[in-house]
Amino acid sequence: MLLHIRRSILASLAFLVLCGLAYPLVETGIAQAAFPYQANGSLRPNGSTLIGQRFSGPDWFHGRPGAYNPMASGPTNLGPRSAVLERHVAARIAQWRRLGVRPTSGLVTSSGSGLDPDISPRSAYAQVGMVARARKIPPVALRRLVASEVHGRQLGFLGSPYVNVLQLNEAVARLVSSHAYSRS
């Protein structure tokens, strides 16, 4: 009986070391070597490029509507015939129009997770006039900036082109600080 207990304890310790220490360390090493940007959470001073950030005011580009809280991610589960969804979308359309933006579907409907950090180039270009007016920047400069921030399809054929909103807003801040553009 004592022999079985001893073997059980040794097997448990061996699996603890193997599964609890060795495997996680090897996986972490592989992730750091192969995907350091993603493994480290893509953190920047203003947030993560992998999780949507909430920006307010007309002087910033905005992402898709969503929870912006990783702990409360997930879809609303409102179907296409939902009166609640219809009211939410109508309110978002009205809000964008008050800001002088002709909203795209990506600006008035949330993503499946509610945390999408990206928008379509079309959604970014739709906001150029609003940001240009608020920051007193020539629209052509902002259109060039948006064009420089468009990421293509992954591997050349997967997905759609996209713009990361955090990276775009950081580029706007750099543009503003490097020129005489100011808010009056």
Protein backbone atom coordinates (compact mmCIF):
# COMPACT_ATOMS: atom_id res chain seq x y z
CA MET A 1 0.00 0.00 0.00
CA LEU A 2 2.79 2.45 0.92
CA LEU A 3 4.47 1.69 -2.42
CA HIS A 4 1.31 2.75 -4.32
CA ILE A 5 1.05 6.01 -2.38
CA ARG A 6 4.72 6.76 -3.05
CA ARG A 7 4.29 6.08 -6.80
CA SER A 8 1.16 8.26 -6.89
CA ILE A 9 2.96 11.15 -5.20
CA LEU A 10 5.98 10.83 -7.55
CA ALA A 11 3.72 10.66 -10.61
CA SER A 12 1.80 13.74 -9.40
CA LEU A 13 5.04 15.67 -8.85
CA ALA A 14 6.37 14.61 -12.25
CA PHE A 15 3.19 15.78 -14.00
CA LEU A 16 3.18 19.00 -11.96
CA VAL A 17 6.70 19.80 -13.15
CA LEU A 18 5.98 18.70 -16.72
CA CYS A 19 2.54 20.27 -17.19
CA GLY A 20 2.77 23.10 -14.67
CA LEU A 21 6.28 24.37 -15.37
CA ALA A 22 8.02 22.89 -18.40
CA TYR A 23 5.10 23.07 -20.87
CA PRO A 24 4.11 26.70 -20.05
CA LEU A 25 7.75 27.82 -20.23
CA VAL A 26 8.27 26.15 -23.61
CA GLU A 27 5.01 27.65 -24.95
CA THR A 28 5.96 31.11 -23.65
CA GLY A 29 9.38 30.82 -25.28
CA ILE A 30 7.87 29.81 -28.62
CA ALA A 31 5.32 32.65 -28.44
CA GLN A 32 8.00 35.22 -27.59
CA ALA A 33 10.23 33.99 -30.42
CA ALA A 34 7.57 33.62 -33.11
CA PHE A 35 4.94 36.23 -32.15
CA PRO A 36 6.46 38.76 -29.72
CA TYR A 37 3.99 41.54 -30.58
CA GLN A 38 0.92 39.40 -29.86
CA ALA A 39 2.50 37.54 -26.93
CA ASN A 40 3.16 40.80 -25.13
CA GLY A 41 -0.42 42.03 -25.59
CA SER A 42 0.33 44.70 -28.20
CA LEU A 43 0.27 47.28 -25.42
CA ARG A 44 0.98 50.89 -26.23
CA PRO A 45 0.89 53.94 -23.96
CA ASN A 46 -2.73 54.59 -24.98
CA GLY A 47 -4.05 51.02 -24.91
CA SER A 48 -3.90 47.81 -26.89
CA THR A 49 -4.18 47.58 -30.64
CA LEU A 50 -6.01 44.25 -30.23
CA ILE A 51 -8.93 45.59 -28.15
CA GLY A 52 -11.16 48.46 -29.21
CA GLN A 53 -10.73 51.71 -27.28
CA ARG A 54 -13.43 54.27 -26.63
CA PHE A 55 -12.69 57.68 -28.14
CA SER A 56 -14.99 60.60 -27.52
CA GLY A 57 -15.44 63.89 -29.25
CA PRO A 58 -15.26 64.89 -32.89
CA ASP A 59 -11.48 65.37 -32.81
CA TRP A 60 -10.80 61.61 -32.83
CA PHE A 61 -11.67 58.77 -35.17
CA HIS A 62 -14.13 56.35 -33.59
CA GLY A 63 -14.37 52.59 -33.80
CA ARG A 64 -17.42 50.40 -33.96
CA PRO A 65 -19.91 50.72 -31.13
CA GLY A 66 -19.32 48.14 -28.45
CA ALA A 67 -18.79 47.31 -24.83
CA TYR A 68 -15.07 48.29 -24.73
CA ASN A 69 -14.83 46.14 -21.63
CA PRO A 70 -13.04 42.82 -22.12
CA MET A 71 -14.86 41.37 -19.12
CA ALA A 72 -18.25 42.04 -20.73
CA SER A 73 -17.47 41.06 -24.30
CA GLY A 74 -19.95 39.32 -26.51
CA PRO A 75 -22.76 40.01 -28.90
CA THR A 76 -26.02 41.63 -27.92
CA ASN A 77 -27.94 38.70 -29.43
CA LEU A 78 -30.39 41.15 -30.96
CA GLY A 79 -31.75 39.73 -34.20
CA PRO A 80 -32.34 41.62 -37.45
CA ARG A 81 -36.02 42.09 -36.60
CA SER A 82 -35.37 43.38 -33.10
CA ALA A 83 -37.05 46.69 -32.31
CA VAL A 84 -34.34 47.39 -29.72
CA LEU A 85 -31.60 46.92 -32.32
CA GLU A 86 -33.49 49.17 -34.72
CA ARG A 87 -33.73 51.92 -32.09
CA HIS A 88 -30.02 51.61 -31.23
CA VAL A 89 -28.97 51.83 -34.88
CA ALA A 90 -31.34 54.77 -35.54
CA ALA A 91 -29.91 56.64 -32.53
CA ARG A 92 -26.34 56.00 -33.72
CA ILE A 93 -27.20 57.19 -37.24
CA ALA A 94 -28.71 60.37 -35.80
CA GLN A 95 -25.66 60.92 -33.58
CA TRP A 96 -23.26 60.58 -36.52
CA ARG A 97 -25.36 62.89 -38.69
CA ARG A 98 -25.28 65.57 -35.95
CA LEU A 99 -21.49 65.36 -36.19
CA GLY A 100 -21.67 65.82 -39.97
CA VAL A 101 -20.75 62.22 -40.78
CA ARG A 102 -22.57 60.01 -43.24
CA PRO A 103 -22.29 56.80 -41.23
CA THR A 104 -21.36 53.43 -42.66
CA SER A 105 -22.81 50.18 -41.36
CA GLY A 106 -19.58 49.58 -39.44
CA LEU A 107 -20.08 52.78 -37.46
CA VAL A 108 -23.61 51.94 -36.32
CA THR A 109 -23.45 48.18 -35.69
CA SER A 110 -21.22 46.46 -33.18
CA SER A 111 -18.96 43.52 -33.88
CA GLY A 112 -19.59 40.03 -32.56
CA SER A 113 -17.32 40.53 -29.57
CA GLY A 114 -17.96 44.23 -28.98
CA LEU A 115 -14.18 44.68 -28.75
CA ASP A 116 -13.19 45.04 -32.41
CA PRO A 117 -10.23 47.46 -32.64
CA ASP A 118 -10.55 47.92 -36.41
CA ILE A 119 -12.86 49.65 -38.83
CA SER A 120 -13.10 49.48 -42.60
CA PRO A 121 -11.24 52.10 -44.62
CA ARG A 122 -14.66 53.36 -45.75
CA SER A 123 -15.65 53.98 -42.10
CA ALA A 124 -12.40 55.84 -41.48
CA TYR A 125 -12.78 58.01 -44.58
CA ALA A 126 -16.38 58.81 -43.56
CA GLN A 127 -15.01 60.49 -40.40
CA VAL A 128 -12.31 62.59 -42.11
CA GLY A 129 -14.49 65.71 -42.42
CA MET A 130 -15.52 65.59 -38.76
CA VAL A 131 -11.93 65.27 -37.47
CA ALA A 132 -10.65 67.84 -39.97
CA ARG A 133 -13.21 70.42 -38.79
CA ALA A 134 -12.58 69.74 -35.11
CA ARG A 135 -8.79 69.90 -35.41
CA LYS A 136 -8.64 72.49 -38.19
CA ILE A 137 -6.55 70.18 -40.36
CA PRO A 138 -6.93 70.12 -44.13
CA PRO A 139 -9.07 67.10 -45.08
CA VAL A 140 -6.54 66.08 -47.73
CA ALA A 141 -3.89 65.64 -45.00
CA LEU A 142 -6.23 63.39 -43.01
CA ARG A 143 -7.20 61.37 -46.09
CA ARG A 144 -3.48 60.76 -46.75
CA LEU A 145 -3.05 59.75 -43.12
CA VAL A 146 -5.96 57.29 -43.30
CA ALA A 147 -4.54 55.83 -46.53
CA SER A 148 -1.17 55.30 -44.81
CA GLU A 149 -2.88 53.43 -41.95
CA VAL A 150 -4.86 50.98 -44.10
CA HIS A 151 -3.72 47.40 -43.52
CA GLY A 152 -4.25 44.98 -46.40
CA ARG A 153 -5.64 41.49 -46.41
CA GLN A 154 -3.73 38.94 -44.37
CA LEU A 155 -1.48 36.83 -46.59
CA GLY A 156 -2.84 38.88 -49.50
CA PHE A 157 -6.21 37.11 -49.67
CA LEU A 158 -7.70 36.59 -46.18
CA GLY A 159 -10.19 39.07 -44.76
CA SER A 160 -10.76 42.65 -45.77
CA PRO A 161 -8.57 45.74 -45.61
CA TYR A 162 -8.87 47.47 -42.23
CA VAL A 163 -7.74 50.46 -40.18
CA ASN A 164 -6.76 50.07 -36.54
CA VAL A 165 -8.47 52.98 -34.76
CA LEU A 166 -5.88 53.31 -31.97
CA GLN A 167 -2.99 53.44 -34.44
CA LEU A 168 -4.88 55.95 -36.59
CA ASN A 169 -5.57 58.23 -33.61
CA GLU A 170 -1.93 58.00 -32.52
CA ALA A 171 -0.97 59.05 -36.06
CA VAL A 172 -3.41 61.98 -35.80
CA ALA A 173 -1.79 63.05 -32.52
CA ARG A 174 1.68 62.88 -34.14
CA LEU A 175 0.43 64.89 -37.13
CA VAL A 176 -1.03 67.54 -34.86
CA SER A 177 2.09 67.79 -32.71
CA SER A 178 4.40 67.97 -35.74
CA HIS A 179 2.47 70.79 -37.45
CA ALA A 180 0.99 74.10 -36.50
CA TYR A 181 -2.50 72.60 -36.49
CA SER A 182 -4.27 73.59 -33.31
CA ARG A 183 -7.69 73.63 -31.80
CA SER A 184 -9.18 77.07 -31.36
